[in-house]
Protein backbone atom coordinates (compact mmCIF):
# COMPACT_ATOMS: atom_id res chain seq x y z
CA UNK A 1 -0.12 -0.16 0.00
CA UNK A 2 1.58 3.49 -0.99
CA UNK A 3 1.94 6.13 1.66
CA UNK A 4 -1.14 7.99 0.61
CA UNK A 5 -3.12 5.56 0.85
CA UNK A 6 -3.04 4.68 3.78
CA UNK A 7 -5.16 8.24 4.57
CA UNK A 8 -8.36 8.10 2.26
CA UNK A 9 -11.09 9.98 3.42
CA UNK A 10 -9.40 10.72 6.87
CA UNK A 11 -7.74 13.95 6.22
CA UNK A 12 -10.54 16.78 7.60
CA UNK A 13 -8.54 20.05 6.24
CA UNK A 14 -8.53 21.41 3.01
CA UNK A 15 -5.17 20.33 0.92
CA UNK A 16 -4.06 23.41 1.16
CA UNK A 17 -4.00 23.52 5.08
CA UNK A 18 -1.31 20.90 4.83
CA UNK A 19 1.98 20.92 3.40
CA UNK A 20 1.80 17.13 3.35
CA UNK A 21 -0.84 15.77 1.20
CA UNK A 22 -3.12 13.16 3.26
CA UNK A 23 -1.52 14.69 6.46
CA UNK A 24 -4.78 15.81 8.65
CA UNK A 25 -4.27 18.88 10.22
CA UNK A 26 -3.64 19.35 14.18
CA UNK A 27 -2.52 23.00 14.93
CA UNK A 28 -0.04 23.34 17.83
CA UNK A 29 -0.59 26.10 20.38
CA UNK A 30 1.30 29.37 18.49
CA UNK A 31 3.08 29.10 21.57
CA UNK A 32 4.54 25.84 20.74
CA UNK A 33 6.24 27.29 17.70
CA UNK A 34 8.07 30.26 16.38
CA UNK A 35 6.17 31.39 13.54
CA UNK A 36 8.87 32.30 10.48
CA UNK A 37 8.99 32.34 6.42
CA UNK A 38 11.35 29.38 6.14
CA UNK A 39 13.16 28.65 3.31
CA UNK A 40 13.88 32.08 2.82
CA UNK A 41 14.41 33.29 6.53
CA UNK A 42 16.48 29.96 7.00
CA UNK A 43 17.01 27.52 4.65
CA UNK A 44 15.51 23.99 5.81
CA UNK A 45 18.85 21.30 4.68
CA UNK A 46 18.09 18.68 7.52
CA UNK A 47 15.26 15.98 9.23
CA UNK A 48 14.99 15.34 12.80
CA UNK A 49 13.89 12.19 13.47
CA UNK A 50 12.08 11.76 17.12
CA UNK A 51 9.90 8.82 18.95
CA UNK A 52 7.16 10.89 21.23
CA UNK A 53 7.74 8.98 24.44
CA UNK A 54 3.33 9.07 24.38
CA UNK A 55 0.67 8.12 22.93
CA UNK A 56 -0.26 9.92 19.05
CA UNK A 57 -3.32 11.36 21.14
CA UNK A 58 -1.69 12.35 24.11
CA UNK A 59 1.31 13.98 21.70
CA UNK A 60 -0.89 15.99 19.74
CA UNK A 61 -2.81 17.32 23.09
CA UNK A 62 0.78 18.18 24.57
CA UNK A 63 1.23 20.07 21.32
CA UNK A 64 -1.91 21.97 21.89
CA UNK A 65 -1.05 22.68 25.44
CA UNK A 66 0.65 26.11 25.56
CA UNK A 67 2.63 25.55 28.60
CA UNK A 68 4.36 22.57 26.56
CA UNK A 69 6.90 24.56 25.19
CA UNK A 70 7.76 22.04 22.23
CA UNK A 71 6.16 20.74 19.15
CA UNK A 72 7.21 18.82 15.61
CA UNK A 73 5.82 20.08 12.54
CA UNK A 74 4.85 16.21 12.08
CA UNK A 75 3.67 13.15 14.50
CA UNK A 76 3.40 9.57 12.82
CA UNK A 77 0.91 7.05 14.60
CA UNK A 78 2.04 3.47 15.03
CA UNK A 79 -0.84 1.89 14.19
CA UNK A 80 -1.67 2.46 10.71
CA UNK A 81 1.08 5.40 9.76
CA UNK A 82 -1.49 8.12 9.81
CA UNK A 83 0.53 11.72 9.95
CA UNK A 84 -0.60 14.68 11.70
CA UNK A 85 0.82 18.25 11.21
CA UNK A 86 1.03 20.42 14.17
CA UNK A 87 3.29 23.04 13.16
CA UNK A 88 3.16 24.35 9.70
CA UNK A 89 6.68 23.57 7.26
CA UNK A 90 7.35 27.72 6.79
CA UNK A 91 7.20 28.28 10.63
CA UNK A 92 10.07 26.64 13.27
CA UNK A 93 8.79 23.69 15.03
CA UNK A 94 10.72 24.06 18.79
CA UNK A 95 11.85 20.15 18.72
CA UNK A 96 15.03 19.28 18.61
CA UNK A 97 15.98 21.62 22.07
CA UNK A 98 18.47 23.54 19.96
CA UNK A 99 17.86 26.24 18.28
CA UNK A 100 19.92 26.52 15.38
CA UNK A 101 19.04 22.65 14.48
CA UNK A 102 15.12 23.46 15.10
CA UNK A 103 15.39 26.64 12.62
CA UNK A 104 16.92 24.51 9.55
CA UNK A 105 14.82 21.50 10.56
CA UNK A 106 11.67 19.62 9.89
CA UNK A 107 10.67 17.76 12.82
CA UNK A 108 9.03 14.43 12.87
CA UNK A 109 7.82 12.64 15.97
CA UNK A 110 6.91 9.07 15.95
CA UNK A 111 4.36 7.36 18.30
CA UNK A 112 6.13 5.16 20.95
CA UNK A 113 8.84 4.65 23.15
CA UNK A 114 12.19 4.03 22.52
CA UNK A 115 12.36 0.91 24.07
CA UNK A 116 9.27 -0.61 23.22
CA UNK A 117 10.22 -1.86 19.66
CA UNK A 118 6.59 -2.83 18.84
CA UNK A 119 5.77 0.49 18.15
CA UNK A 120 8.06 0.77 15.55
CA UNK A 121 5.69 -0.94 12.56
CA UNK A 122 6.07 -1.60 8.90
CA UNK A 123 2.57 1.10 8.78
CA UNK A 124 5.13 3.84 10.35
CA UNK A 125 8.26 3.02 8.61
CA UNK A 126 6.54 3.25 5.44
CA UNK A 127 4.32 6.35 6.01
CA UNK A 128 7.26 8.10 7.44
CA UNK A 129 9.80 7.46 4.85
CA UNK A 130 7.36 8.41 1.87
CA UNK A 131 6.93 12.17 4.10
CA UNK A 132 10.47 12.31 5.04
CA UNK A 133 11.32 11.91 0.92
CA UNK A 134 8.59 14.46 0.01
CA UNK A 135 10.51 16.63 2.06
CA UNK A 136 14.24 15.83 1.45
CA UNK A 137 12.46 16.40 -2.33
CA UNK A 138 11.05 19.16 -1.68
CA UNK A 139 14.31 21.36 0.16
CA UNK A 140 17.24 19.88 -2.09
CA UNK A 141 18.06 17.41 1.46
CA UNK A 142 20.29 14.76 0.35
CA UNK A 143 18.55 11.48 1.87
CA UNK A 144 21.24 10.20 4.38
CA UNK A 145 22.09 9.78 7.65
CA UNK A 146 24.25 13.34 7.59
CA UNK A 147 20.66 14.88 6.73
CA UNK A 148 18.02 12.65 8.58
CA UNK A 149 19.41 12.76 11.96
CA UNK A 150 18.17 11.23 15.19
CA UNK A 151 17.23 13.41 17.97
CA UNK A 152 19.62 12.22 20.03
CA UNK A 153 22.54 13.49 17.44
CA UNK A 154 21.51 17.25 18.50
CA UNK A 155 24.45 18.87 19.90
CA UNK A 156 23.49 19.69 23.69
CA UNK A 157 20.58 17.54 23.72
CA UNK A 158 20.26 15.11 26.40
CA UNK A 159 17.60 12.94 24.33
CA UNK A 160 18.15 9.32 23.51
CA UNK A 161 15.18 9.06 20.37
CA UNK A 162 15.13 7.60 18.50
CA UNK A 163 16.50 4.80 20.46
CA UNK A 164 18.45 1.55 19.54
CA UNK A 165 15.18 -0.03 18.56
CA UNK A 166 15.25 2.31 15.35
CA UNK A 167 16.12 0.89 12.22
CA UNK A 168 18.01 3.37 10.09
CA UNK A 169 19.00 0.84 7.87
CA UNK A 170 15.66 0.27 6.79
CA UNK A 171 14.38 3.39 7.08
CA UNK A 172 16.84 5.44 4.87
CA UNK A 173 16.00 2.52 2.15
CA UNK A 174 12.58 3.41 2.43
CA UNK A 175 13.22 6.93 2.27
CA UNK A 176 15.19 6.28 -0.87
CA UNK A 177 12.87 4.36 -2.59
CA UNK A 178 14.74 0.98 -1.91
């Protein structure tokens, strides 16, 4: 099944509302990101992969809480690969814990816990890889591990996600259509 087919009929927002076709708009609180005009104001040259350490629904709720002070551009659900967009790509999501990395990256959260590999389903990998491939194509980002990084690789962060159970070889192959 193609990634776009996973969401057929699911979205409630118009295509103009989301940056990725098939995603559902679930806006984060404006307190959890910085309005911008990327890539004019900042280049977009990275994708940062996260694991929520929460359920999909709880992650969306947290991003909509103005006191949370964080949000990613996208959240991918484990069970079926459904994608919600929480921050427009032209805005700076507060996801990496490092302003420089936030300004030049798109953040993708994945439902689950780093120590529970059962959350990393085939549907999730395929949907996320299709999203990442589209982002890389849009911004001219190389589809490699130097440009598609884990949250744990962001300087100054104490996060471990996506963790040792994330299959990077599989993911990068999927992003590259292999």
